[in-house]
Amino acid sequence: MILKNECIILPGFGGFETHYQPASLDKVSGKILPPSKQVVFREEYKVDNGTLLNYVCEKEKISEDEAQQFIEKYVSELKFKLELQSRVDIPEIGILIKPINGKVFLKPIDHENYLIDSFGLSELKLPFQREAEKNVVIPGPEKKSHSIKGAALLIPLLTVFVTFLIILSVRVGLLKIF
């Protein structure tokens, strides 16, 4: 049931809520963990959202009134066990724990993934590699090509020189333009 629903409320007690966790890298163990859904318990969720009621009606094939009574009885037993033992096992979810005069919290089942889309995906262990000493190249100032600088300087100089020769030739009379 927790696989298909984001929030299941036990009326008058609290609710189980799921949160999406994207794929992640555990740098300590070197494992890639698949995407998952984590379950948390929210004691402040007390008002019935109908999810559990509909599920019990359908699964047990009973009326809403009978399902309501079934849920109320379950919640009463849960509260009693928590007061008596301080911990109650919730199958396929985890353990509810109530410290003395404290808030109820959930210790979820370790490594349980409630995300249907991740079914069959497992953790991937990355092969461990020692980092070899690398020859580190420290980049220095870039060497600029002298030919580009020279060409950039040479073209305007040639233009000035040719213009000077043309003007000189016209004045001296070697070149007759007019």
N, C-alpha and C. Protein backbone atom coordinates (compact mmCIF):
# COMPACT_ATOMS: atom_id res chain seq x y z
N MET A 1 0.82 -1.19 0.00
CA MET A 1 0.00 0.00 0.00
C MET A 1 0.87 1.26 0.00
N ILE A 2 1.96 1.23 0.73
CA ILE A 2 2.85 2.40 0.81
C ILE A 2 3.54 2.64 -0.54
N LEU A 3 3.64 1.60 -1.37
CA LEU A 3 4.27 1.75 -2.68
C LEU A 3 3.44 2.63 -3.61
N LYS A 4 2.13 2.57 -3.48
CA LYS A 4 1.25 3.27 -4.42
C LYS A 4 0.72 4.60 -3.89
N ASN A 5 0.97 4.91 -2.62
CA ASN A 5 0.43 6.13 -2.02
C ASN A 5 1.54 6.95 -1.38
N GLU A 6 1.41 8.27 -1.47
CA GLU A 6 2.40 9.15 -0.86
C GLU A 6 2.13 9.40 0.62
N CYS A 7 0.88 9.22 1.05
CA CYS A 7 0.55 9.48 2.45
C CYS A 7 -0.58 8.55 2.89
N ILE A 8 -0.35 7.83 3.98
CA ILE A 8 -1.37 6.97 4.57
C ILE A 8 -1.56 7.44 6.01
N ILE A 9 -2.79 7.83 6.32
CA ILE A 9 -3.06 8.37 7.65
C ILE A 9 -3.84 7.36 8.48
N LEU A 10 -3.37 7.15 9.70
CA LEU A 10 -4.11 6.37 10.70
C LEU A 10 -4.87 7.41 11.52
N PRO A 11 -6.19 7.54 11.29
CA PRO A 11 -6.96 8.61 11.93
C PRO A 11 -6.78 8.64 13.45
N GLY A 12 -6.48 9.84 13.96
CA GLY A 12 -6.31 10.03 15.38
C GLY A 12 -4.94 9.61 15.90
N PHE A 13 -4.06 9.16 15.02
CA PHE A 13 -2.75 8.69 15.47
C PHE A 13 -1.59 9.40 14.76
N GLY A 14 -1.61 9.39 13.44
CA GLY A 14 -0.53 10.00 12.65
C GLY A 14 -0.52 9.42 11.25
N GLY A 15 0.46 9.82 10.46
CA GLY A 15 0.50 9.35 9.09
C GLY A 15 1.90 8.98 8.63
N PHE A 16 1.93 8.09 7.65
CA PHE A 16 3.19 7.69 7.01
C PHE A 16 3.25 8.42 5.69
N GLU A 17 4.35 9.11 5.47
CA GLU A 17 4.52 9.93 4.27
C GLU A 17 5.79 9.50 3.56
N THR A 18 5.74 9.48 2.22
CA THR A 18 6.93 9.11 1.46
C THR A 18 7.50 10.35 0.78
N HIS A 19 8.82 10.34 0.63
CA HIS A 19 9.54 11.44 -0.02
C HIS A 19 10.49 10.87 -1.06
N TYR A 20 10.47 11.45 -2.27
CA TYR A 20 11.35 11.01 -3.35
C TYR A 20 12.79 11.42 -3.06
N GLN A 21 13.70 10.49 -3.29
CA GLN A 21 15.14 10.76 -3.15
C GLN A 21 15.79 10.45 -4.50
N PRO A 22 16.43 11.41 -5.16
CA PRO A 22 17.07 11.13 -6.45
C PRO A 22 18.27 10.19 -6.27
N ALA A 23 18.72 9.63 -7.37
CA ALA A 23 19.92 8.78 -7.32
C ALA A 23 21.06 9.59 -6.71
N SER A 24 21.93 8.89 -5.99
CA SER A 24 23.01 9.62 -5.32
C SER A 24 24.28 8.78 -5.28
N LEU A 25 25.37 9.45 -4.98
CA LEU A 25 26.67 8.80 -4.86
C LEU A 25 27.09 8.83 -3.41
N ASP A 26 27.37 7.65 -2.86
CA ASP A 26 27.90 7.56 -1.50
C ASP A 26 29.42 7.59 -1.64
N LYS A 27 30.01 8.74 -1.35
CA LYS A 27 31.45 8.91 -1.56
C LYS A 27 32.29 8.03 -0.64
N VAL A 28 31.76 7.69 0.53
CA VAL A 28 32.51 6.87 1.48
C VAL A 28 32.63 5.44 0.97
N SER A 29 31.49 4.86 0.56
CA SER A 29 31.51 3.46 0.11
C SER A 29 31.78 3.33 -1.38
N GLY A 30 31.67 4.42 -2.13
CA GLY A 30 31.89 4.38 -3.57
C GLY A 30 30.72 3.74 -4.31
N LYS A 31 29.51 3.81 -3.74
CA LYS A 31 28.34 3.20 -4.37
C LYS A 31 27.44 4.27 -4.97
N ILE A 32 26.84 3.91 -6.11
CA ILE A 32 25.80 4.74 -6.70
C ILE A 32 24.48 4.12 -6.25
N LEU A 33 23.67 4.91 -5.56
CA LEU A 33 22.40 4.44 -5.04
C LEU A 33 21.28 4.84 -6.00
N PRO A 34 20.36 3.91 -6.33
CA PRO A 34 19.28 4.25 -7.26
C PRO A 34 18.29 5.22 -6.62
N PRO A 35 17.45 5.86 -7.43
CA PRO A 35 16.41 6.73 -6.86
C PRO A 35 15.53 5.91 -5.93
N SER A 36 14.96 6.57 -4.93
CA SER A 36 14.14 5.83 -3.96
C SER A 36 13.08 6.74 -3.35
N LYS A 37 12.22 6.12 -2.54
CA LYS A 37 11.26 6.85 -1.73
C LYS A 37 11.51 6.45 -0.29
N GLN A 38 11.67 7.43 0.58
CA GLN A 38 11.87 7.19 2.00
C GLN A 38 10.55 7.40 2.73
N VAL A 39 10.33 6.66 3.80
CA VAL A 39 9.11 6.79 4.59
C VAL A 39 9.42 7.48 5.91
N VAL A 40 8.58 8.45 6.26
CA VAL A 40 8.69 9.13 7.55
C VAL A 40 7.32 9.08 8.23
N PHE A 41 7.31 9.21 9.54
CA PHE A 41 6.06 9.24 10.30
C PHE A 41 5.80 10.67 10.76
N ARG A 42 4.57 11.14 10.55
CA ARG A 42 4.17 12.49 10.96
C ARG A 42 3.06 12.36 11.99
N GLU A 43 3.39 12.63 13.24
CA GLU A 43 2.42 12.51 14.32
C GLU A 43 1.30 13.55 14.18
N GLU A 44 1.60 14.67 13.51
CA GLU A 44 0.61 15.74 13.38
C GLU A 44 -0.49 15.43 12.36
N TYR A 45 -0.30 14.41 11.52
CA TYR A 45 -1.33 14.03 10.55
C TYR A 45 -2.37 13.16 11.27
N LYS A 46 -3.48 13.74 11.64
CA LYS A 46 -4.50 13.01 12.42
C LYS A 46 -5.82 12.86 11.66
N VAL A 47 -6.08 13.75 10.70
CA VAL A 47 -7.36 13.75 9.99
C VAL A 47 -7.29 12.75 8.84
N ASP A 48 -8.29 11.88 8.77
CA ASP A 48 -8.35 10.81 7.77
C ASP A 48 -8.41 11.38 6.35
N ASN A 49 -7.57 10.87 5.47
CA ASN A 49 -7.62 11.27 4.06
C ASN A 49 -8.36 10.24 3.21
N GLY A 50 -8.86 9.17 3.81
CA GLY A 50 -9.66 8.17 3.11
C GLY A 50 -8.86 7.08 2.42
N THR A 51 -7.57 7.23 2.31
CA THR A 51 -6.74 6.26 1.61
C THR A 51 -6.78 4.89 2.29
N LEU A 52 -6.58 4.87 3.58
CA LEU A 52 -6.58 3.60 4.32
C LEU A 52 -7.97 2.99 4.34
N LEU A 53 -9.00 3.81 4.54
CA LEU A 53 -10.38 3.32 4.56
C LEU A 53 -10.73 2.63 3.25
N ASN A 54 -10.42 3.27 2.12
CA ASN A 54 -10.70 2.68 0.81
C ASN A 54 -9.92 1.38 0.61
N TYR A 55 -8.68 1.37 1.05
CA TYR A 55 -7.85 0.17 0.91
C TYR A 55 -8.44 -1.00 1.71
N VAL A 56 -8.83 -0.75 2.95
CA VAL A 56 -9.39 -1.81 3.80
C VAL A 56 -10.71 -2.31 3.23
N CYS A 57 -11.56 -1.40 2.76
CA CYS A 57 -12.84 -1.80 2.15
C CYS A 57 -12.61 -2.74 0.97
N GLU A 58 -11.68 -2.36 0.10
CA GLU A 58 -11.42 -3.14 -1.10
C GLU A 58 -10.74 -4.47 -0.78
N LYS A 59 -9.74 -4.44 0.07
CA LYS A 59 -8.96 -5.64 0.39
C LYS A 59 -9.79 -6.67 1.17
N GLU A 60 -10.53 -6.20 2.16
CA GLU A 60 -11.31 -7.10 3.02
C GLU A 60 -12.73 -7.33 2.50
N LYS A 61 -13.10 -6.58 1.47
CA LYS A 61 -14.44 -6.64 0.88
C LYS A 61 -15.52 -6.44 1.96
N ILE A 62 -15.38 -5.31 2.67
CA ILE A 62 -16.32 -4.95 3.73
C ILE A 62 -16.83 -3.54 3.49
N SER A 63 -17.87 -3.17 4.23
CA SER A 63 -18.45 -1.83 4.09
C SER A 63 -17.54 -0.78 4.72
N GLU A 64 -17.83 0.50 4.43
CA GLU A 64 -17.04 1.59 5.01
C GLU A 64 -17.15 1.62 6.53
N ASP A 65 -18.35 1.34 7.05
CA ASP A 65 -18.54 1.34 8.50
C ASP A 65 -17.70 0.25 9.16
N GLU A 66 -17.70 -0.93 8.55
CA GLU A 66 -16.90 -2.03 9.10
C GLU A 66 -15.41 -1.71 9.00
N ALA A 67 -15.01 -1.12 7.89
CA ALA A 67 -13.61 -0.74 7.71
C ALA A 67 -13.21 0.32 8.73
N GLN A 68 -14.10 1.26 8.99
CA GLN A 68 -13.84 2.32 9.98
C GLN A 68 -13.63 1.71 11.36
N GLN A 69 -14.47 0.75 11.73
CA GLN A 69 -14.33 0.08 13.02
C GLN A 69 -13.02 -0.70 13.09
N PHE A 70 -12.67 -1.36 12.00
CA PHE A 70 -11.42 -2.14 11.92
C PHE A 70 -10.21 -1.22 12.14
N ILE A 71 -10.22 -0.06 11.48
CA ILE A 71 -9.10 0.90 11.59
C ILE A 71 -9.03 1.47 13.00
N GLU A 72 -10.18 1.83 13.57
CA GLU A 72 -10.21 2.38 14.93
C GLU A 72 -9.65 1.38 15.93
N LYS A 73 -10.01 0.11 15.77
CA LYS A 73 -9.50 -0.94 16.66
C LYS A 73 -7.99 -1.08 16.52
N TYR A 74 -7.52 -1.05 15.26
CA TYR A 74 -6.07 -1.16 15.00
C TYR A 74 -5.31 0.00 15.65
N VAL A 75 -5.84 1.22 15.50
CA VAL A 75 -5.20 2.41 16.07
C VAL A 75 -5.17 2.32 17.59
N SER A 76 -6.27 1.86 18.20
CA SER A 76 -6.31 1.69 19.67
C SER A 76 -5.25 0.71 20.14
N GLU A 77 -5.14 -0.42 19.45
CA GLU A 77 -4.14 -1.43 19.82
C GLU A 77 -2.73 -0.88 19.64
N LEU A 78 -2.54 -0.12 18.59
CA LEU A 78 -1.23 0.47 18.31
C LEU A 78 -0.83 1.44 19.43
N LYS A 79 -1.74 2.30 19.82
CA LYS A 79 -1.47 3.24 20.91
C LYS A 79 -1.17 2.51 22.21
N PHE A 80 -1.95 1.46 22.51
CA PHE A 80 -1.75 0.68 23.73
C PHE A 80 -0.38 0.03 23.75
N LYS A 81 0.00 -0.60 22.63
CA LYS A 81 1.31 -1.27 22.54
C LYS A 81 2.45 -0.27 22.68
N LEU A 82 2.28 0.91 22.09
CA LEU A 82 3.33 1.93 22.19
C LEU A 82 3.50 2.41 23.63
N GLU A 83 2.39 2.57 24.33
CA GLU A 83 2.46 2.99 25.74
C GLU A 83 3.10 1.90 26.59
N LEU A 84 2.79 0.66 26.27
CA LEU A 84 3.27 -0.47 27.06
C LEU A 84 4.72 -0.82 26.76
N GLN A 85 5.07 -0.87 25.47
CA GLN A 85 6.39 -1.37 25.06
C GLN A 85 7.33 -0.30 24.51
N SER A 86 6.83 0.86 24.20
CA SER A 86 7.60 1.98 23.62
C SER A 86 8.04 1.73 22.18
N ARG A 87 7.72 0.57 21.63
CA ARG A 87 8.07 0.29 20.22
C ARG A 87 7.09 -0.73 19.65
N VAL A 88 6.73 -0.49 18.39
CA VAL A 88 5.80 -1.39 17.70
C VAL A 88 6.32 -1.59 16.28
N ASP A 89 6.36 -2.85 15.86
CA ASP A 89 6.80 -3.19 14.51
C ASP A 89 5.63 -3.00 13.54
N ILE A 90 5.85 -2.22 12.50
CA ILE A 90 4.88 -2.04 11.43
C ILE A 90 5.43 -2.81 10.23
N PRO A 91 4.80 -3.95 9.88
CA PRO A 91 5.34 -4.79 8.81
C PRO A 91 5.58 -4.01 7.51
N GLU A 92 6.72 -4.29 6.88
CA GLU A 92 7.14 -3.72 5.59
C GLU A 92 7.43 -2.22 5.64
N ILE A 93 7.38 -1.61 6.82
CA ILE A 93 7.66 -0.17 6.93
C ILE A 93 8.79 0.10 7.90
N GLY A 94 8.67 -0.40 9.12
CA GLY A 94 9.70 -0.16 10.11
C GLY A 94 9.17 -0.30 11.52
N ILE A 95 9.83 0.36 12.44
CA ILE A 95 9.46 0.29 13.86
C ILE A 95 9.08 1.68 14.35
N LEU A 96 7.88 1.78 14.92
CA LEU A 96 7.47 3.02 15.57
C LEU A 96 8.03 3.01 16.98
N ILE A 97 8.66 4.10 17.37
CA ILE A 97 9.29 4.20 18.69
C ILE A 97 8.75 5.44 19.39
N LYS A 98 8.39 5.24 20.67
CA LYS A 98 7.93 6.38 21.47
C LYS A 98 8.77 6.46 22.74
N PRO A 99 9.70 7.41 22.76
CA PRO A 99 10.49 7.59 23.99
C PRO A 99 9.57 8.11 25.11
N ILE A 100 10.00 7.98 26.34
CA ILE A 100 9.21 8.46 27.47
C ILE A 100 8.95 9.95 27.30
N ASN A 101 7.68 10.33 27.33
CA ASN A 101 7.24 11.72 27.16
C ASN A 101 7.77 12.35 25.87
N GLY A 102 8.00 11.54 24.86
CA GLY A 102 8.53 12.07 23.60
C GLY A 102 7.56 11.87 22.45
N LYS A 103 7.95 12.39 21.29
CA LYS A 103 7.15 12.24 20.09
C LYS A 103 7.44 10.89 19.45
N VAL A 104 6.43 10.30 18.86
CA VAL A 104 6.57 9.03 18.15
C VAL A 104 7.37 9.28 16.88
N PHE A 105 8.33 8.41 16.60
CA PHE A 105 9.07 8.50 15.34
C PHE A 105 9.22 7.11 14.74
N LEU A 106 9.55 7.08 13.47
CA LEU A 106 9.69 5.82 12.74
C LEU A 106 11.16 5.54 12.47
N LYS A 107 11.57 4.33 12.76
CA LYS A 107 12.88 3.84 12.33
C LYS A 107 12.58 2.93 11.15
N PRO A 108 12.75 3.45 9.91
CA PRO A 108 12.37 2.67 8.74
C PRO A 108 13.28 1.46 8.53
N ILE A 109 12.78 0.51 7.77
CA ILE A 109 13.57 -0.67 7.42
C ILE A 109 14.77 -0.19 6.60
N ASP A 110 15.97 -0.64 6.98
CA ASP A 110 17.19 -0.25 6.27
C ASP A 110 17.15 -0.77 4.83
N HIS A 111 17.60 0.07 3.93
CA HIS A 111 17.78 -0.28 2.52
C HIS A 111 16.49 -0.73 1.83
N GLU A 112 15.36 -0.28 2.31
CA GLU A 112 14.08 -0.59 1.66
C GLU A 112 13.75 0.55 0.71
N ASN A 113 13.45 0.21 -0.54
CA ASN A 113 13.14 1.22 -1.54
C ASN A 113 11.66 1.12 -1.89
N TYR A 114 10.90 2.17 -1.64
CA TYR A 114 9.46 2.17 -1.87
C TYR A 114 9.09 2.82 -3.21
N LEU A 115 10.07 3.05 -4.07
CA LEU A 115 9.81 3.66 -5.37
C LEU A 115 9.63 2.55 -6.41
N ILE A 116 8.43 2.42 -6.92
CA ILE A 116 8.12 1.35 -7.88
C ILE A 116 9.00 1.47 -9.13
N ASP A 117 9.27 2.70 -9.57
CA ASP A 117 10.07 2.90 -10.78
C ASP A 117 11.50 2.39 -10.64
N SER A 118 11.95 2.19 -9.42
CA SER A 118 13.32 1.70 -9.18
C SER A 118 13.35 0.19 -8.95
N PHE A 119 12.23 -0.48 -9.15
CA PHE A 119 12.18 -1.92 -8.90
C PHE A 119 13.24 -2.63 -9.74
N GLY A 120 14.04 -3.43 -9.10
CA GLY A 120 15.08 -4.19 -9.80
C GLY A 120 16.42 -3.47 -9.88
N LEU A 121 16.44 -2.18 -9.60
CA LEU A 121 17.70 -1.45 -9.63
C LEU A 121 18.43 -1.68 -8.31
N SER A 122 19.69 -1.97 -8.40
CA SER A 122 20.46 -2.18 -7.17
C SER A 122 21.58 -1.15 -7.08
N GLU A 123 22.25 -1.16 -5.95
CA GLU A 123 23.38 -0.26 -5.77
C GLU A 123 24.50 -0.71 -6.70
N LEU A 124 25.24 0.23 -7.23
CA LEU A 124 26.40 -0.09 -8.07
C LEU A 124 27.66 0.29 -7.32
N LYS A 125 28.59 -0.63 -7.23
CA LYS A 125 29.86 -0.36 -6.56
C LYS A 125 30.84 0.12 -7.63
N LEU A 126 31.39 1.29 -7.43
CA LEU A 126 32.38 1.82 -8.36
C LEU A 126 33.72 1.17 -8.07
N PRO A 127 34.45 0.78 -9.11
CA PRO A 127 35.77 0.19 -8.86
C PRO A 127 36.70 1.23 -8.25
N PHE A 128 37.42 0.80 -7.24
CA PHE A 128 38.33 1.70 -6.53
C PHE A 128 39.62 1.83 -7.33
N GLN A 129 40.05 3.04 -7.58
CA GLN A 129 41.31 3.27 -8.29
C GLN A 129 42.15 4.23 -7.47
N ARG A 130 43.41 3.85 -7.31
CA ARG A 130 44.31 4.78 -6.64
C ARG A 130 44.68 5.86 -7.63
N GLU A 131 44.75 7.04 -7.13
CA GLU A 131 45.15 8.13 -8.00
C GLU A 131 46.66 8.10 -8.15
N ALA A 132 47.10 7.86 -9.36
CA ALA A 132 48.53 7.84 -9.62
C ALA A 132 49.04 9.27 -9.65
N GLU A 133 50.33 9.37 -9.34
CA GLU A 133 50.90 10.71 -9.42
C GLU A 133 50.86 11.15 -10.87
N LYS A 134 50.39 12.31 -11.05
CA LYS A 134 50.24 12.81 -12.40
C LYS A 134 51.29 13.87 -12.64
N ASN A 135 51.77 13.93 -13.87
CA ASN A 135 52.66 15.02 -14.25
C ASN A 135 51.77 16.22 -14.48
N VAL A 136 51.84 17.11 -13.56
CA VAL A 136 50.99 18.29 -13.64
C VAL A 136 51.70 19.32 -14.49
N VAL A 137 51.02 19.73 -15.51
CA VAL A 137 51.56 20.76 -16.40
C VAL A 137 50.98 22.08 -15.94
N ILE A 138 51.87 22.97 -15.57
CA ILE A 138 51.43 24.30 -15.15
C ILE A 138 51.48 25.18 -16.38
N PRO A 139 50.32 25.64 -16.79
CA PRO A 139 50.31 26.46 -18.00
C PRO A 139 50.98 27.80 -17.75
N GLY A 140 51.87 28.14 -18.67
CA GLY A 140 52.55 29.43 -18.60
C GLY A 140 51.86 30.39 -19.54
N PRO A 141 52.44 31.55 -19.72
CA PRO A 141 51.84 32.48 -20.66
C PRO A 141 51.90 31.90 -22.07
N GLU A 142 50.84 32.11 -22.78
CA GLU A 142 50.78 31.56 -24.13
C GLU A 142 51.79 32.28 -25.02
N LYS A 143 52.45 31.48 -25.84
CA LYS A 143 53.37 32.07 -26.81
C LYS A 143 52.56 32.48 -28.02
N LYS A 144 52.67 33.76 -28.35
CA LYS A 144 51.91 34.25 -29.48
C LYS A 144 52.79 34.17 -30.72
N SER A 145 52.15 33.89 -31.78
CA SER A 145 52.88 33.75 -33.03
C SER A 145 53.34 35.12 -33.50
N HIS A 146 54.64 35.19 -33.86
CA HIS A 146 55.20 36.45 -34.34
C HIS A 146 54.75 36.73 -35.77
N SER A 147 54.41 35.70 -36.51
CA SER A 147 54.03 35.91 -37.90
C SER A 147 52.71 36.66 -38.00
N ILE A 148 51.78 36.43 -37.08
CA ILE A 148 50.51 37.15 -37.12
C ILE A 148 50.73 38.61 -36.74
N LYS A 149 51.57 38.84 -35.74
CA LYS A 149 51.89 40.22 -35.35
C LYS A 149 52.58 40.94 -36.50
N GLY A 150 53.51 40.25 -37.11
CA GLY A 150 54.27 40.85 -38.21
C GLY A 150 53.38 41.19 -39.38
N ALA A 151 52.45 40.27 -39.70
CA ALA A 151 51.54 40.51 -40.82
C ALA A 151 50.61 41.68 -40.51
N ALA A 152 50.16 41.74 -39.28
CA ALA A 152 49.27 42.83 -38.89
C ALA A 152 49.98 44.18 -38.97
N LEU A 153 51.26 44.21 -38.71
CA LEU A 153 52.02 45.45 -38.78
C LEU A 153 52.48 45.75 -40.21
N LEU A 154 52.79 44.70 -40.94
CA LEU A 154 53.35 44.85 -42.28
C LEU A 154 52.33 45.40 -43.27
N ILE A 155 51.08 44.99 -43.18
CA ILE A 155 50.07 45.42 -44.14
C ILE A 155 49.86 46.93 -44.09
N PRO A 156 49.66 47.55 -42.94
CA PRO A 156 49.51 49.01 -42.94
C PRO A 156 50.78 49.73 -43.39
N LEU A 157 51.96 49.18 -43.02
CA LEU A 157 53.21 49.80 -43.45
C LEU A 157 53.36 49.75 -44.97
N LEU A 158 53.01 48.59 -45.55
CA LEU A 158 53.08 48.47 -47.01
C LEU A 158 52.12 49.44 -47.69
N THR A 159 50.92 49.59 -47.11
CA THR A 159 49.93 50.50 -47.68
C THR A 159 50.46 51.94 -47.64
N VAL A 160 51.04 52.34 -46.53
CA VAL A 160 51.60 53.69 -46.40
C VAL A 160 52.76 53.86 -47.39
N PHE A 161 53.62 52.84 -47.49
CA PHE A 161 54.77 52.91 -48.38
C PHE A 161 54.34 53.03 -49.84
N VAL A 162 53.36 52.23 -50.27
CA VAL A 162 52.88 52.28 -51.66
C VAL A 162 52.23 53.63 -51.93
N THR A 163 51.44 54.13 -50.98
CA THR A 163 50.81 55.44 -51.14
C THR A 163 51.88 56.53 -51.27
N PHE A 164 52.91 56.46 -50.45
CA PHE A 164 54.00 57.42 -50.51
C PHE A 164 54.68 57.38 -51.87
N LEU A 165 54.94 56.18 -52.39
CA LEU A 165 55.58 56.05 -53.71
C LEU A 165 54.72 56.63 -54.82
N ILE A 166 53.40 56.39 -54.72
CA ILE A 166 52.50 56.92 -55.75
C ILE A 166 52.51 58.44 -55.71
N ILE A 167 52.41 59.02 -54.54
CA ILE A 167 52.42 60.48 -54.41
C ILE A 167 53.74 61.05 -54.91
N LEU A 168 54.83 60.43 -54.56
CA LEU A 168 56.15 60.89 -54.99
C LEU A 168 56.28 60.79 -56.50
N SER A 169 55.80 59.71 -57.07
CA SER A 169 55.90 59.51 -58.52
C SER A 169 55.07 60.55 -59.26
N VAL A 170 53.90 60.88 -58.74
CA VAL A 170 53.05 61.87 -59.38
C VAL A 170 53.73 63.23 -59.31
N ARG A 171 54.34 63.58 -58.25
CA ARG A 171 55.00 64.87 -58.08
C ARG A 171 56.24 64.98 -58.96
N VAL A 172 56.94 63.91 -59.01
CA VAL A 172 58.18 63.96 -59.78
C VAL A 172 57.86 63.86 -61.27
N GLY A 173 56.70 63.30 -61.58
CA GLY A 173 56.30 63.19 -62.96
C GLY A 173 56.55 61.84 -63.55
N LEU A 174 56.90 60.88 -62.77
CA LEU A 174 57.13 59.55 -63.29
C LEU A 174 55.82 58.86 -63.65
N LEU A 175 54.79 59.16 -62.90
CA LEU A 175 53.50 58.51 -63.11
C LEU A 175 52.52 59.61 -63.50
N LYS A 176 51.90 59.48 -64.64
CA LYS A 176 50.98 60.50 -65.09
C LYS A 176 49.56 59.98 -64.97
N ILE A 177 48.89 60.46 -63.90
CA ILE A 177 47.52 60.03 -63.68
C ILE A 177 46.58 61.05 -64.30
N PHE A 178 46.85 62.35 -64.20
CA PHE A 178 45.95 63.40 -64.70
C PHE A 178 46.40 63.90 -66.01
